[in-house]
Amino acid sequence: MALEYTYIQEKLEEKFGAAIKSTTVIQEMLTVELEASKNLEAIEFLKSDPKLRFNFLTDVCGVHYPDHTKDRQFAVVYHMHNWMDNVRMRIKCFLPGDQPEIESVTAAFLSANWQERETYDFYGITFKNHPQLKRILNMDEMTSFPLRKEFPMEDGGRTDKDDRFFGRTSNCN
């Protein structure tokens, strides 16, 4: 019998109760919004449960939502894969904008090491108890985090391009 999303939801709700904020299916992938304080415990549970068997951490990444409320300005997203049943799922944990930090999942998956370092490097999200949390791609001297949406996408003072050539005006002929 194939592993169904409803079964995964039931097992998570049974184990974590109110820490599960929502569950949805987005583009045929179960997405669970989880309280950030339960991230490591949930990842370990999904990996070790004999029926769930999410044995592969595909990705860890950050997202910056500058227009959300102060307590939900950042998110850490985990993509997990159960190879035996070929089922994928996503876990999303929101973090506050003033101090975005979450427990490292390197205790469950060593592969999270570089992914968490990259997320720290680009978003400034701190992973507590990470074995070596430091910049991985940017210079150590950098004081900003380049994927945060704190800077304008384009320099308004540029004179070397004409928006008409990029279809950005309504009077292009």
N, C-alpha and C. Protein backbone atom coordinates (compact mmCIF):
# COMPACT_ATOMS: atom_id res chain seq x y z
N MET A 1 0.84 -1.19 0.00
CA MET A 1 0.00 0.00 0.00
C MET A 1 0.89 1.25 0.00
N ALA A 2 0.55 2.17 -0.85
CA ALA A 2 1.34 3.41 -0.99
C ALA A 2 1.14 4.32 0.22
N LEU A 3 2.14 5.09 0.51
CA LEU A 3 2.10 6.06 1.60
C LEU A 3 1.26 7.25 1.18
N GLU A 4 0.17 7.48 1.87
CA GLU A 4 -0.78 8.55 1.51
C GLU A 4 -0.51 9.79 2.36
N TYR A 5 -0.80 10.96 1.78
CA TYR A 5 -0.63 12.22 2.50
C TYR A 5 -1.49 12.27 3.76
N THR A 6 -2.68 11.71 3.70
CA THR A 6 -3.56 11.74 4.88
C THR A 6 -2.93 10.96 6.04
N TYR A 7 -2.27 9.85 5.72
CA TYR A 7 -1.61 9.07 6.76
C TYR A 7 -0.45 9.86 7.39
N ILE A 8 0.34 10.53 6.54
CA ILE A 8 1.45 11.34 7.04
C ILE A 8 0.92 12.44 7.95
N GLN A 9 -0.14 13.12 7.51
CA GLN A 9 -0.77 14.18 8.31
C GLN A 9 -1.22 13.65 9.66
N GLU A 10 -1.92 12.52 9.66
CA GLU A 10 -2.43 11.93 10.90
C GLU A 10 -1.29 11.61 11.87
N LYS A 11 -0.21 11.01 11.34
CA LYS A 11 0.92 10.66 12.20
C LYS A 11 1.57 11.91 12.79
N LEU A 12 1.73 12.96 11.98
CA LEU A 12 2.33 14.20 12.47
C LEU A 12 1.43 14.89 13.49
N GLU A 13 0.14 14.94 13.22
CA GLU A 13 -0.79 15.57 14.15
C GLU A 13 -0.88 14.79 15.46
N GLU A 14 -0.81 13.47 15.37
CA GLU A 14 -0.82 12.63 16.56
C GLU A 14 0.42 12.90 17.43
N LYS A 15 1.56 13.08 16.78
CA LYS A 15 2.83 13.27 17.50
C LYS A 15 3.04 14.71 17.96
N PHE A 16 2.67 15.70 17.11
CA PHE A 16 3.03 17.09 17.38
C PHE A 16 1.85 18.00 17.67
N GLY A 17 0.63 17.54 17.51
CA GLY A 17 -0.57 18.28 17.89
C GLY A 17 -0.60 19.72 17.44
N ALA A 18 -0.66 20.64 18.41
CA ALA A 18 -0.81 22.08 18.13
C ALA A 18 0.42 22.69 17.46
N ALA A 19 1.55 21.99 17.44
CA ALA A 19 2.74 22.51 16.77
C ALA A 19 2.58 22.50 15.25
N ILE A 20 1.61 21.71 14.76
CA ILE A 20 1.28 21.71 13.32
C ILE A 20 0.33 22.87 13.09
N LYS A 21 0.78 23.87 12.37
CA LYS A 21 -0.02 25.08 12.12
C LYS A 21 -0.97 24.91 10.95
N SER A 22 -0.53 24.21 9.91
CA SER A 22 -1.40 23.95 8.76
C SER A 22 -0.79 22.85 7.90
N THR A 23 -1.64 22.21 7.10
CA THR A 23 -1.18 21.25 6.11
C THR A 23 -1.94 21.53 4.82
N THR A 24 -1.22 21.54 3.73
CA THR A 24 -1.82 21.74 2.41
C THR A 24 -1.04 20.90 1.40
N VAL A 25 -1.64 20.73 0.24
CA VAL A 25 -0.95 20.09 -0.86
C VAL A 25 -0.73 21.16 -1.92
N ILE A 26 0.53 21.47 -2.20
CA ILE A 26 0.89 22.48 -3.18
C ILE A 26 1.64 21.80 -4.30
N GLN A 27 1.12 21.88 -5.50
CA GLN A 27 1.70 21.24 -6.68
C GLN A 27 2.04 19.78 -6.40
N GLU A 28 1.06 19.06 -5.89
CA GLU A 28 1.15 17.63 -5.63
C GLU A 28 2.21 17.25 -4.59
N MET A 29 2.53 18.20 -3.69
CA MET A 29 3.47 17.90 -2.60
C MET A 29 2.86 18.36 -1.28
N LEU A 30 2.83 17.46 -0.32
CA LEU A 30 2.33 17.80 1.01
C LEU A 30 3.23 18.86 1.63
N THR A 31 2.61 19.93 2.12
CA THR A 31 3.34 21.00 2.79
C THR A 31 2.79 21.13 4.20
N VAL A 32 3.67 21.02 5.17
CA VAL A 32 3.29 21.12 6.57
C VAL A 32 3.97 22.35 7.16
N GLU A 33 3.15 23.26 7.70
CA GLU A 33 3.72 24.39 8.43
C GLU A 33 3.83 23.97 9.89
N LEU A 34 5.03 24.06 10.41
CA LEU A 34 5.34 23.54 11.74
C LEU A 34 5.93 24.64 12.60
N GLU A 35 5.61 24.61 13.88
CA GLU A 35 6.23 25.52 14.84
C GLU A 35 7.75 25.31 14.80
N ALA A 36 8.50 26.39 14.71
CA ALA A 36 9.95 26.31 14.51
C ALA A 36 10.66 25.53 15.62
N SER A 37 10.15 25.58 16.83
CA SER A 37 10.82 24.90 17.95
C SER A 37 10.78 23.37 17.83
N LYS A 38 9.98 22.86 16.93
CA LYS A 38 9.83 21.40 16.77
C LYS A 38 10.51 20.86 15.52
N ASN A 39 11.29 21.70 14.82
CA ASN A 39 11.83 21.27 13.53
C ASN A 39 12.70 20.01 13.62
N LEU A 40 13.67 19.99 14.51
CA LEU A 40 14.57 18.84 14.60
C LEU A 40 13.81 17.59 15.03
N GLU A 41 12.95 17.73 16.01
CA GLU A 41 12.17 16.59 16.49
C GLU A 41 11.31 16.01 15.36
N ALA A 42 10.68 16.87 14.56
CA ALA A 42 9.83 16.41 13.46
C ALA A 42 10.65 15.73 12.36
N ILE A 43 11.80 16.32 12.03
CA ILE A 43 12.68 15.73 11.00
C ILE A 43 13.14 14.35 11.45
N GLU A 44 13.55 14.23 12.70
CA GLU A 44 13.99 12.93 13.22
C GLU A 44 12.85 11.92 13.22
N PHE A 45 11.65 12.37 13.57
CA PHE A 45 10.48 11.49 13.58
C PHE A 45 10.17 10.99 12.17
N LEU A 46 10.15 11.90 11.20
CA LEU A 46 9.85 11.52 9.82
C LEU A 46 10.90 10.54 9.27
N LYS A 47 12.13 10.69 9.69
CA LYS A 47 13.21 9.82 9.24
C LYS A 47 13.13 8.43 9.90
N SER A 48 12.86 8.40 11.19
CA SER A 48 12.97 7.14 11.93
C SER A 48 11.68 6.33 12.02
N ASP A 49 10.54 6.93 11.75
CA ASP A 49 9.29 6.17 11.84
C ASP A 49 9.31 5.04 10.80
N PRO A 50 9.00 3.80 11.23
CA PRO A 50 9.13 2.65 10.31
C PRO A 50 8.19 2.67 9.11
N LYS A 51 7.12 3.45 9.16
CA LYS A 51 6.22 3.52 8.01
C LYS A 51 6.44 4.78 7.18
N LEU A 52 6.85 5.86 7.82
CA LEU A 52 7.05 7.12 7.09
C LEU A 52 8.36 7.09 6.29
N ARG A 53 9.46 6.74 6.90
CA ARG A 53 10.76 6.49 6.25
C ARG A 53 11.22 7.62 5.30
N PHE A 54 11.12 8.86 5.74
CA PHE A 54 11.65 9.97 4.94
C PHE A 54 13.16 10.01 5.17
N ASN A 55 13.86 9.21 4.39
CA ASN A 55 15.27 8.95 4.62
C ASN A 55 16.22 9.88 3.87
N PHE A 56 15.69 10.87 3.16
CA PHE A 56 16.57 11.74 2.38
C PHE A 56 16.12 13.19 2.53
N LEU A 57 17.03 14.03 2.96
CA LEU A 57 16.78 15.47 3.04
C LEU A 57 17.25 16.07 1.72
N THR A 58 16.31 16.42 0.87
CA THR A 58 16.64 16.92 -0.47
C THR A 58 17.19 18.34 -0.42
N ASP A 59 16.58 19.18 0.44
CA ASP A 59 16.96 20.59 0.42
C ASP A 59 16.59 21.26 1.73
N VAL A 60 17.41 22.24 2.11
CA VAL A 60 17.10 23.18 3.18
C VAL A 60 17.32 24.56 2.57
N CYS A 61 16.34 25.42 2.69
CA CYS A 61 16.51 26.76 2.13
C CYS A 61 15.77 27.79 2.98
N GLY A 62 16.09 29.04 2.75
CA GLY A 62 15.44 30.14 3.45
C GLY A 62 14.58 30.94 2.51
N VAL A 63 13.64 31.66 3.09
CA VAL A 63 12.78 32.58 2.34
C VAL A 63 12.60 33.82 3.20
N HIS A 64 12.64 34.98 2.59
CA HIS A 64 12.43 36.24 3.29
C HIS A 64 11.09 36.83 2.86
N TYR A 65 10.22 37.09 3.82
CA TYR A 65 8.91 37.69 3.59
C TYR A 65 8.87 39.04 4.31
N PRO A 66 9.43 40.09 3.74
CA PRO A 66 9.53 41.37 4.47
C PRO A 66 8.18 42.02 4.77
N ASP A 67 7.13 41.64 4.03
CA ASP A 67 5.82 42.25 4.24
C ASP A 67 4.95 41.49 5.23
N HIS A 68 5.43 40.34 5.72
CA HIS A 68 4.67 39.59 6.72
C HIS A 68 4.81 40.26 8.09
N THR A 69 4.06 39.77 9.06
CA THR A 69 4.18 40.29 10.42
C THR A 69 5.58 39.99 10.95
N LYS A 70 5.99 40.72 11.97
CA LYS A 70 7.36 40.62 12.52
C LYS A 70 7.74 39.19 12.92
N ASP A 71 6.76 38.39 13.37
CA ASP A 71 7.07 37.04 13.83
C ASP A 71 7.10 36.00 12.69
N ARG A 72 6.84 36.44 11.46
CA ARG A 72 6.82 35.52 10.31
C ARG A 72 7.58 36.08 9.11
N GLN A 73 8.67 36.79 9.34
CA GLN A 73 9.37 37.42 8.24
C GLN A 73 10.35 36.50 7.52
N PHE A 74 10.73 35.42 8.15
CA PHE A 74 11.62 34.45 7.53
C PHE A 74 11.00 33.07 7.64
N ALA A 75 11.39 32.20 6.72
CA ALA A 75 10.98 30.80 6.80
C ALA A 75 12.17 29.93 6.44
N VAL A 76 12.25 28.79 7.09
CA VAL A 76 13.18 27.75 6.69
C VAL A 76 12.32 26.64 6.13
N VAL A 77 12.68 26.17 4.93
CA VAL A 77 11.90 25.16 4.24
C VAL A 77 12.76 23.91 4.05
N TYR A 78 12.20 22.77 4.45
CA TYR A 78 12.87 21.48 4.31
C TYR A 78 12.09 20.66 3.29
N HIS A 79 12.79 20.08 2.32
CA HIS A 79 12.18 19.14 1.38
C HIS A 79 12.73 17.76 1.71
N MET A 80 11.82 16.82 1.94
CA MET A 80 12.21 15.46 2.31
C MET A 80 11.65 14.46 1.31
N HIS A 81 12.34 13.32 1.20
CA HIS A 81 11.95 12.31 0.22
C HIS A 81 12.01 10.93 0.87
N ASN A 82 10.94 10.18 0.69
CA ASN A 82 10.90 8.78 1.08
C ASN A 82 11.17 7.99 -0.20
N TRP A 83 12.37 7.41 -0.32
CA TRP A 83 12.75 6.69 -1.54
C TRP A 83 11.98 5.40 -1.72
N MET A 84 11.63 4.72 -0.65
CA MET A 84 10.97 3.42 -0.76
C MET A 84 9.58 3.55 -1.39
N ASP A 85 8.85 4.58 -1.00
CA ASP A 85 7.50 4.78 -1.53
C ASP A 85 7.45 5.91 -2.57
N ASN A 86 8.60 6.53 -2.82
CA ASN A 86 8.71 7.67 -3.75
C ASN A 86 7.70 8.77 -3.41
N VAL A 87 7.75 9.23 -2.16
CA VAL A 87 6.88 10.29 -1.68
C VAL A 87 7.76 11.45 -1.21
N ARG A 88 7.35 12.65 -1.60
CA ARG A 88 8.08 13.85 -1.19
C ARG A 88 7.17 14.71 -0.33
N MET A 89 7.79 15.49 0.54
CA MET A 89 7.02 16.44 1.34
C MET A 89 7.87 17.64 1.69
N ARG A 90 7.19 18.69 2.14
CA ARG A 90 7.85 19.95 2.47
C ARG A 90 7.43 20.33 3.90
N ILE A 91 8.41 20.80 4.67
CA ILE A 91 8.13 21.33 6.02
C ILE A 91 8.58 22.78 6.01
N LYS A 92 7.71 23.65 6.52
CA LYS A 92 8.00 25.08 6.51
C LYS A 92 7.86 25.61 7.93
N CYS A 93 8.91 26.28 8.41
CA CYS A 93 8.93 26.86 9.75
C CYS A 93 9.17 28.36 9.64
N PHE A 94 8.27 29.17 10.20
CA PHE A 94 8.42 30.62 10.16
C PHE A 94 9.22 31.10 11.36
N LEU A 95 9.99 32.18 11.12
CA LEU A 95 10.86 32.75 12.15
C LEU A 95 10.66 34.25 12.23
N PRO A 96 10.94 34.85 13.40
CA PRO A 96 10.79 36.31 13.54
C PRO A 96 11.88 37.06 12.78
N GLY A 97 11.57 38.27 12.36
CA GLY A 97 12.50 39.08 11.59
C GLY A 97 13.65 39.63 12.39
N ASP A 98 13.44 39.89 13.69
CA ASP A 98 14.50 40.51 14.49
C ASP A 98 15.58 39.51 14.91
N GLN A 99 15.25 38.24 15.04
CA GLN A 99 16.23 37.24 15.44
C GLN A 99 15.85 35.89 14.80
N PRO A 100 16.13 35.74 13.50
CA PRO A 100 15.76 34.47 12.85
C PRO A 100 16.73 33.36 13.22
N GLU A 101 16.28 32.45 14.07
CA GLU A 101 17.13 31.33 14.44
C GLU A 101 16.27 30.09 14.65
N ILE A 102 16.88 28.95 14.37
CA ILE A 102 16.19 27.66 14.44
C ILE A 102 17.24 26.59 14.73
N GLU A 103 16.81 25.48 15.26
CA GLU A 103 17.72 24.38 15.58
C GLU A 103 18.27 23.77 14.30
N SER A 104 19.55 23.44 14.30
CA SER A 104 20.17 22.75 13.16
C SER A 104 19.63 21.32 13.09
N VAL A 105 19.47 20.80 11.88
CA VAL A 105 19.05 19.41 11.72
C VAL A 105 20.21 18.51 11.31
N THR A 106 21.45 19.01 11.49
CA THR A 106 22.62 18.19 11.15
C THR A 106 22.72 16.94 12.02
N ALA A 107 22.07 16.95 13.18
CA ALA A 107 22.06 15.75 14.02
C ALA A 107 21.29 14.62 13.35
N ALA A 108 20.32 14.96 12.51
CA ALA A 108 19.53 13.95 11.80
C ALA A 108 20.09 13.67 10.41
N PHE A 109 20.55 14.70 9.74
CA PHE A 109 21.08 14.57 8.38
C PHE A 109 22.37 15.37 8.26
N LEU A 110 23.49 14.71 8.11
CA LEU A 110 24.76 15.41 7.95
C LEU A 110 24.77 16.29 6.71
N SER A 111 23.98 15.92 5.71
CA SER A 111 23.92 16.70 4.47
C SER A 111 23.36 18.10 4.69
N ALA A 112 22.70 18.34 5.81
CA ALA A 112 22.15 19.67 6.11
C ALA A 112 23.25 20.68 6.40
N ASN A 113 24.45 20.22 6.67
CA ASN A 113 25.56 21.09 7.05
C ASN A 113 25.75 22.22 6.04
N TRP A 114 26.03 21.91 4.81
CA TRP A 114 26.29 22.93 3.80
C TRP A 114 25.03 23.71 3.46
N GLN A 115 23.90 23.05 3.44
CA GLN A 115 22.64 23.73 3.10
C GLN A 115 22.29 24.78 4.17
N GLU A 116 22.51 24.45 5.43
CA GLU A 116 22.27 25.42 6.49
C GLU A 116 23.28 26.56 6.44
N ARG A 117 24.53 26.24 6.13
CA ARG A 117 25.54 27.30 6.00
C ARG A 117 25.18 28.25 4.86
N GLU A 118 24.71 27.72 3.76
CA GLU A 118 24.31 28.56 2.63
C GLU A 118 23.12 29.45 3.01
N THR A 119 22.16 28.89 3.72
CA THR A 119 21.00 29.65 4.17
C THR A 119 21.42 30.75 5.13
N TYR A 120 22.33 30.44 6.03
CA TYR A 120 22.88 31.46 6.92
C TYR A 120 23.58 32.55 6.12
N ASP A 121 24.42 32.14 5.19
CA ASP A 121 25.22 33.07 4.39
C ASP A 121 24.36 34.06 3.60
N PHE A 122 23.26 33.59 3.05
CA PHE A 122 22.45 34.45 2.19
C PHE A 122 21.27 35.12 2.89
N TYR A 123 20.78 34.56 4.01
CA TYR A 123 19.62 35.13 4.69
C TYR A 123 19.90 35.57 6.12
N GLY A 124 21.01 35.15 6.70
CA GLY A 124 21.30 35.51 8.08
C GLY A 124 20.51 34.72 9.10
N ILE A 125 19.96 33.59 8.70
CA ILE A 125 19.22 32.72 9.62
C ILE A 125 20.23 31.89 10.39
N THR A 126 20.20 31.96 11.70
CA THR A 126 21.14 31.23 12.55
C THR A 126 20.60 29.84 12.86
N PHE A 127 21.45 28.84 12.68
CA PHE A 127 21.09 27.45 12.99
C PHE A 127 21.81 27.07 14.28
N LYS A 128 21.04 27.01 15.36
CA LYS A 128 21.62 26.70 16.67
C LYS A 128 22.20 25.28 16.67
N ASN A 129 23.34 25.13 17.33
CA ASN A 129 24.04 23.85 17.47
C ASN A 129 24.58 23.30 16.14
N HIS A 130 24.74 24.18 15.17
CA HIS A 130 25.37 23.77 13.92
C HIS A 130 26.86 23.56 14.19
N PRO A 131 27.49 22.53 13.62
CA PRO A 131 28.89 22.25 13.94
C PRO A 131 29.90 23.29 13.45
N GLN A 132 29.56 24.07 12.42
CA GLN A 132 30.51 25.06 11.91
C GLN A 132 29.75 26.12 11.11
N LEU A 133 28.92 26.88 11.78
CA LEU A 133 28.10 27.87 11.09
C LEU A 133 28.92 29.11 10.75
N LYS A 134 29.34 29.18 9.51
CA LYS A 134 30.05 30.35 9.01
C LYS A 134 29.73 30.49 7.53
N ARG A 135 30.08 31.62 6.97
CA ARG A 135 29.80 31.85 5.55
C ARG A 135 30.44 30.77 4.70
N ILE A 136 29.76 30.45 3.60
CA ILE A 136 30.25 29.37 2.75
C ILE A 136 30.57 29.86 1.34
N LEU A 137 29.88 30.89 0.85
CA LEU A 137 30.12 31.40 -0.51
C LEU A 137 30.55 32.86 -0.54
N ASN A 138 30.06 33.64 0.40
CA ASN A 138 30.41 35.06 0.45
C ASN A 138 31.62 35.28 1.35
N MET A 139 32.20 36.47 1.25
CA MET A 139 33.37 36.80 2.06
C MET A 139 32.97 36.92 3.54
N ASP A 140 33.87 36.50 4.40
CA ASP A 140 33.62 36.58 5.84
C ASP A 140 33.38 38.02 6.30
N GLU A 141 33.96 38.97 5.60
CA GLU A 141 33.87 40.38 5.99
C GLU A 141 32.50 41.00 5.66
N MET A 142 31.68 40.32 4.89
CA MET A 142 30.38 40.88 4.51
C MET A 142 29.52 41.11 5.75
N THR A 143 28.81 42.21 5.77
CA THR A 143 27.94 42.51 6.90
C THR A 143 26.46 42.39 6.52
N SER A 144 26.17 42.18 5.26
CA SER A 144 24.78 42.05 4.82
C SER A 144 24.53 40.62 4.34
N PHE A 145 23.27 40.34 4.07
CA PHE A 145 22.87 39.02 3.60
C PHE A 145 22.16 39.22 2.26
N PRO A 146 22.80 38.82 1.15
CA PRO A 146 22.38 39.25 -0.18
C PRO A 146 21.01 38.79 -0.67
N LEU A 147 20.41 37.76 -0.11
CA LEU A 147 19.09 37.35 -0.60
C LEU A 147 17.93 37.90 0.21
N ARG A 148 18.24 38.70 1.21
CA ARG A 148 17.17 39.40 1.92
C ARG A 148 16.61 40.47 0.99
N LYS A 149 15.36 40.71 1.10
CA LYS A 149 14.70 41.68 0.22
C LYS A 149 14.71 43.07 0.84
N GLU A 150 15.89 43.50 1.26
CA GLU A 150 16.04 44.81 1.90
C GLU A 150 16.55 45.87 0.94
N PHE A 151 16.91 45.46 -0.24
CA PHE A 151 17.50 46.39 -1.20
C PHE A 151 16.64 46.42 -2.47
N PRO A 152 16.60 47.58 -3.16
CA PRO A 152 15.83 47.63 -4.41
C PRO A 152 16.46 46.70 -5.45
N MET A 153 15.61 46.13 -6.30
CA MET A 153 16.11 45.20 -7.31
C MET A 153 16.96 45.89 -8.37
N GLU A 154 16.65 47.15 -8.66
CA GLU A 154 17.39 47.87 -9.69
C GLU A 154 17.78 49.24 -9.18
N ASP A 155 18.82 49.76 -9.74
CA ASP A 155 19.27 51.10 -9.43
C ASP A 155 18.43 52.08 -10.24
N GLY A 156 17.65 52.91 -9.59
CA GLY A 156 16.79 53.86 -10.28
C GLY A 156 17.54 54.92 -11.06
N GLY A 157 18.80 55.10 -10.78
CA GLY A 157 19.58 56.13 -11.45
C GLY A 157 20.32 55.66 -12.69
N ARG A 158 20.07 54.42 -13.09
CA ARG A 158 20.79 53.91 -14.27
C ARG A 158 20.40 54.68 -15.52
N THR A 159 21.39 55.00 -16.34
CA THR A 159 21.13 55.71 -17.61
C THR A 159 21.54 54.87 -18.81
N ASP A 160 22.05 53.66 -18.57
CA ASP A 160 22.55 52.85 -19.67
C ASP A 160 21.52 51.91 -20.27
N LYS A 161 20.27 51.99 -19.83
CA LYS A 161 19.26 51.14 -20.44
C LYS A 161 17.98 51.93 -20.68
N ASP A 162 17.27 51.51 -21.66
CA ASP A 162 16.03 52.16 -22.04
C ASP A 162 14.90 51.15 -21.84
N ASP A 163 13.98 51.42 -20.89
CA ASP A 163 12.92 50.48 -20.56
C ASP A 163 12.05 50.12 -21.75
N ARG A 164 11.99 50.97 -22.75
CA ARG A 164 11.17 50.66 -23.93
C ARG A 164 11.63 49.38 -24.61
N PHE A 165 12.93 49.08 -24.54
CA PHE A 165 13.46 47.89 -25.20
C PHE A 165 13.17 46.61 -24.41
N PHE A 166 12.69 46.75 -23.20
CA PHE A 166 12.39 45.59 -22.36
C PHE A 166 10.89 45.40 -22.14
N GLY A 167 10.07 46.14 -22.92
CA GLY A 167 8.63 45.98 -22.82
C GLY A 167 8.04 46.53 -21.54
N ARG A 168 8.69 47.51 -20.93
CA ARG A 168 8.24 48.01 -19.63
C ARG A 168 7.42 49.29 -19.74
N THR A 169 7.11 49.73 -20.92
CA THR A 169 6.23 50.88 -21.07
C THR A 169 5.08 50.49 -21.97
N SER A 170 3.97 51.15 -21.76
CA SER A 170 2.77 50.80 -22.54
C SER A 170 2.79 51.41 -23.92
N ASN A 171 3.68 52.38 -24.21
CA ASN A 171 3.67 53.01 -25.52
C ASN A 171 4.80 52.52 -26.41
N CYS A 172 5.13 51.22 -26.30
CA CYS A 172 6.12 50.65 -27.22
C CYS A 172 5.43 50.36 -28.55
N ASN A 173 6.11 50.67 -29.64
CA ASN A 173 5.54 50.38 -30.97
C ASN A 173 6.39 49.39 -31.70
